[in-house]
Amino acid sequence: EDEEEVVDTSGYDLDLWLERELRAEFQSSSFRDALNYLGERRGLWRLLKKMFEPNPKNRFSSLDALKELDEVMGLKKGEREWTDQMLLNIATDEAFLERVIDFYEQEPMNFATDDESVEGDTSGDDQSADEVTGYDESIAGVGDESDEYYNMAQDAWNE
C-alpha cells in the first residue's frame, strides 16, 4: 500500500492512522525519530491533520498552511510567544499524539533498523496499543484532563 491508500483507509484521520501504526508488528527506527520531531514542533501534527481534512471547508488552504507552519517554526526557534488560542488548539488537536509521545518517553522501545524486522521480539507486547495510547475514535482530538497542554489551555480560557 502506498501512503495515500494507508491514509485513505483511516478516513484521513491521522490519529487513527497513528494508532494503527502503533499496532504494526514492525516499526522502523525512524518512527521514534518522527515522534521526536513532532514533539519538538508543537502544532505541526495539528497542521498535518488540517491539511488531510476530508471536508474542504475545514481544510487549511495553502496560505493558511504556510502561516501555520511559520508559526510552528517560530515557536520552535523561540521567535514567537505562545498565545492562549495556540495552547487551546494544540490541547485539543494533539492530545492523542501527546499521549503517544509521553508513552515513548517513559517506555524504551526496541526498534529494528529500517532494513530489518524484529522477529520473535515480544518486548512491546506487555500492553495492547489501546492500553498504551488510550485511543478511542469517539474522543479523538479531545484534550485529556491530565494533559499538560490541556491544563494550560483551560487555565488561560478561565482567566
Protein backbone atom coordinates (compact mmCIF):
# COMPACT_ATOMS: atom_id res chain seq x y z
CA GLU A 1 0.00 0.00 0.00
CA ASP A 2 1.23 3.48 -0.74
CA GLU A 3 0.88 6.35 1.75
CA GLU A 4 -2.27 7.72 0.12
CA GLU A 5 -4.05 4.37 0.42
CA VAL A 6 -2.96 3.98 4.04
CA VAL A 7 -4.29 7.42 4.99
CA ASP A 8 -7.44 6.88 2.93
CA THR A 9 -8.21 3.62 4.78
CA SER A 10 -8.00 5.62 8.02
CA GLY A 11 -10.62 8.05 6.73
CA TYR A 12 -7.96 10.77 6.63
CA ASP A 13 -7.88 10.70 10.44
CA LEU A 14 -4.18 10.96 11.29
CA ASP A 15 -4.78 9.96 14.92
CA LEU A 16 -6.41 6.74 13.71
CA TRP A 17 -3.56 6.21 11.24
CA LEU A 18 -1.01 6.68 14.08
CA GLU A 19 -2.93 4.27 16.30
CA ARG A 20 -2.81 1.66 13.51
CA GLU A 21 0.92 2.23 13.08
CA LEU A 22 1.40 1.59 16.80
CA ARG A 23 -0.29 -1.78 16.36
CA ALA A 24 2.01 -2.75 13.50
CA GLU A 25 4.37 -5.65 14.14
CA PHE A 26 7.29 -3.71 12.70
CA GLN A 27 8.20 -0.11 13.35
CA SER A 28 11.32 1.36 11.86
CA SER A 29 13.82 3.23 13.97
CA SER A 30 12.79 6.37 12.11
CA PHE A 31 9.32 6.08 13.69
CA ARG A 32 10.66 7.28 17.04
CA ASP A 33 12.66 9.99 15.26
CA ALA A 34 9.44 11.19 13.64
CA LEU A 35 7.67 11.28 17.01
CA ASN A 36 10.57 13.27 18.48
CA TYR A 37 10.46 15.69 15.56
CA LEU A 38 6.72 16.26 16.00
CA GLY A 39 7.11 16.56 19.77
CA GLU A 40 9.71 19.30 19.38
CA ARG A 41 7.47 21.22 16.97
CA ARG A 42 4.18 21.55 18.78
CA GLY A 43 1.45 22.44 16.32
CA LEU A 44 2.92 20.52 13.38
CA TRP A 45 0.66 17.50 13.97
CA ARG A 46 -2.33 19.87 14.03
CA LEU A 47 -1.16 21.38 10.74
CA LEU A 48 -0.89 17.93 9.13
CA LYS A 49 -4.33 16.98 10.42
CA LYS A 50 -5.83 20.16 8.96
CA MET A 51 -4.11 19.51 5.63
CA PHE A 52 -5.62 16.00 5.49
CA GLU A 53 -9.10 17.16 6.50
CA PRO A 54 -11.53 15.40 4.12
CA ASN A 55 -14.04 18.27 4.23
CA PRO A 56 -12.65 21.06 2.01
CA LYS A 57 -14.49 23.68 4.07
CA ASN A 58 -12.45 22.69 7.14
CA ARG A 59 -9.15 22.04 5.34
CA PHE A 60 -6.31 24.54 5.56
CA SER A 61 -5.71 26.45 2.36
CA SER A 62 -2.14 26.71 1.11
CA LEU A 63 -1.91 30.19 2.58
CA ASP A 64 -3.30 29.07 5.95
CA ALA A 65 -0.90 26.10 5.98
CA LEU A 66 2.07 28.35 5.26
CA LYS A 67 1.05 30.77 8.03
CA GLU A 68 0.61 27.89 10.47
CA LEU A 69 3.97 26.38 9.52
CA ASP A 70 5.64 29.76 10.03
CA GLU A 71 4.01 29.97 13.46
CA VAL A 72 5.11 26.43 14.43
CA MET A 73 8.69 27.04 13.35
CA GLY A 74 8.72 30.44 15.05
CA LEU A 75 7.66 28.80 18.31
CA LYS A 76 10.38 26.17 17.92
CA LYS A 77 13.04 28.86 17.36
CA GLY A 78 11.74 31.00 20.21
CA GLU A 79 10.82 33.81 17.82
CA ARG A 80 7.14 33.70 18.77
CA GLU A 81 5.29 33.64 22.05
CA TRP A 82 2.56 31.15 22.92
CA THR A 83 -0.95 32.56 22.87
CA ASP A 84 -3.96 31.22 24.69
CA GLN A 85 -5.53 30.23 21.36
CA MET A 86 -2.40 28.29 20.31
CA LEU A 87 -2.44 26.38 23.60
CA LEU A 88 -6.11 25.58 23.21
CA ASN A 89 -5.67 24.44 19.58
CA ILE A 90 -2.77 22.17 20.46
CA ALA A 91 -4.50 20.80 23.55
CA THR A 92 -7.49 19.72 21.50
CA ASP A 93 -5.82 18.69 18.23
CA GLU A 94 -2.71 17.00 19.58
CA ALA A 95 -3.98 15.23 22.71
CA PHE A 96 -3.61 11.74 21.23
CA LEU A 97 -0.12 12.47 19.87
CA GLU A 98 0.85 13.81 23.30
CA ARG A 99 -0.15 10.53 24.96
CA VAL A 100 1.85 8.56 22.39
CA ILE A 101 4.95 10.73 22.87
CA ASP A 102 4.62 10.51 26.67
CA PHE A 103 4.47 6.72 26.45
CA TYR A 104 7.54 6.51 24.23
CA GLU A 105 9.47 8.77 26.60
CA GLN A 106 8.60 6.51 29.56
CA GLU A 107 8.98 3.12 27.89
CA PRO A 108 12.18 2.30 26.00
CA MET A 109 11.21 0.51 22.82
CA ASN A 110 13.25 -1.92 20.78
CA PHE A 111 13.14 -0.73 17.21
CA ALA A 112 14.52 -2.57 14.23
CA THR A 113 16.70 -0.69 11.85
CA ASP A 114 14.97 0.47 8.69
CA ASP A 115 16.37 -2.59 6.88
CA GLU A 116 15.39 -5.32 9.32
CA SER A 117 12.32 -6.50 11.13
CA VAL A 118 12.13 -7.79 14.66
CA GLU A 119 11.29 -11.46 14.75
CA GLY A 120 10.30 -13.09 17.99
CA ASP A 121 10.67 -9.82 19.89
CA THR A 122 7.88 -9.53 22.41
CA SER A 123 9.32 -6.66 24.43
CA GLY A 124 6.46 -4.38 23.39
CA ASP A 125 3.74 -6.99 23.88
CA ASP A 126 3.14 -6.29 27.57
CA GLN A 127 0.45 -3.77 26.71
CA SER A 128 -2.01 -3.53 23.88
CA ALA A 129 -1.98 -0.49 21.61
CA ASP A 130 -5.23 0.66 23.25
CA GLU A 131 -3.66 0.47 26.71
CA VAL A 132 -0.58 2.34 25.51
CA THR A 133 -2.40 5.16 23.79
CA GLY A 134 -5.84 5.16 25.35
CA TYR A 135 -7.10 5.87 21.84
CA ASP A 136 -10.82 5.99 21.35
CA GLU A 137 -12.15 7.17 17.98
CA SER A 138 -15.12 8.83 19.69
CA ILE A 139 -12.81 11.20 21.59
CA ALA A 140 -10.04 11.67 19.00
CA GLY A 141 -8.73 15.19 19.22
CA VAL A 142 -10.29 15.91 22.61
CA GLY A 143 -7.88 17.02 25.33
CA ASP A 144 -7.25 14.69 28.25
CA GLU A 145 -7.58 16.48 31.59
CA SER A 146 -4.21 15.10 32.67
CA ASP A 147 -2.59 16.55 29.57
CA GLU A 148 -0.21 19.45 30.30
CA TYR A 149 -1.28 21.47 27.27
CA TYR A 150 -4.94 20.92 28.04
CA ASN A 151 -4.45 22.21 31.58
CA MET A 152 -2.57 25.29 30.39
CA ALA A 153 -5.31 25.99 27.85
CA GLN A 154 -8.03 25.55 30.45
CA ASP A 155 -6.25 27.96 32.80
CA ALA A 156 -5.92 30.53 30.02
CA TRP A 157 -9.54 30.06 28.97
CA ASN A 158 -10.78 30.53 32.55
CA GLU A 159 -8.87 33.80 33.08
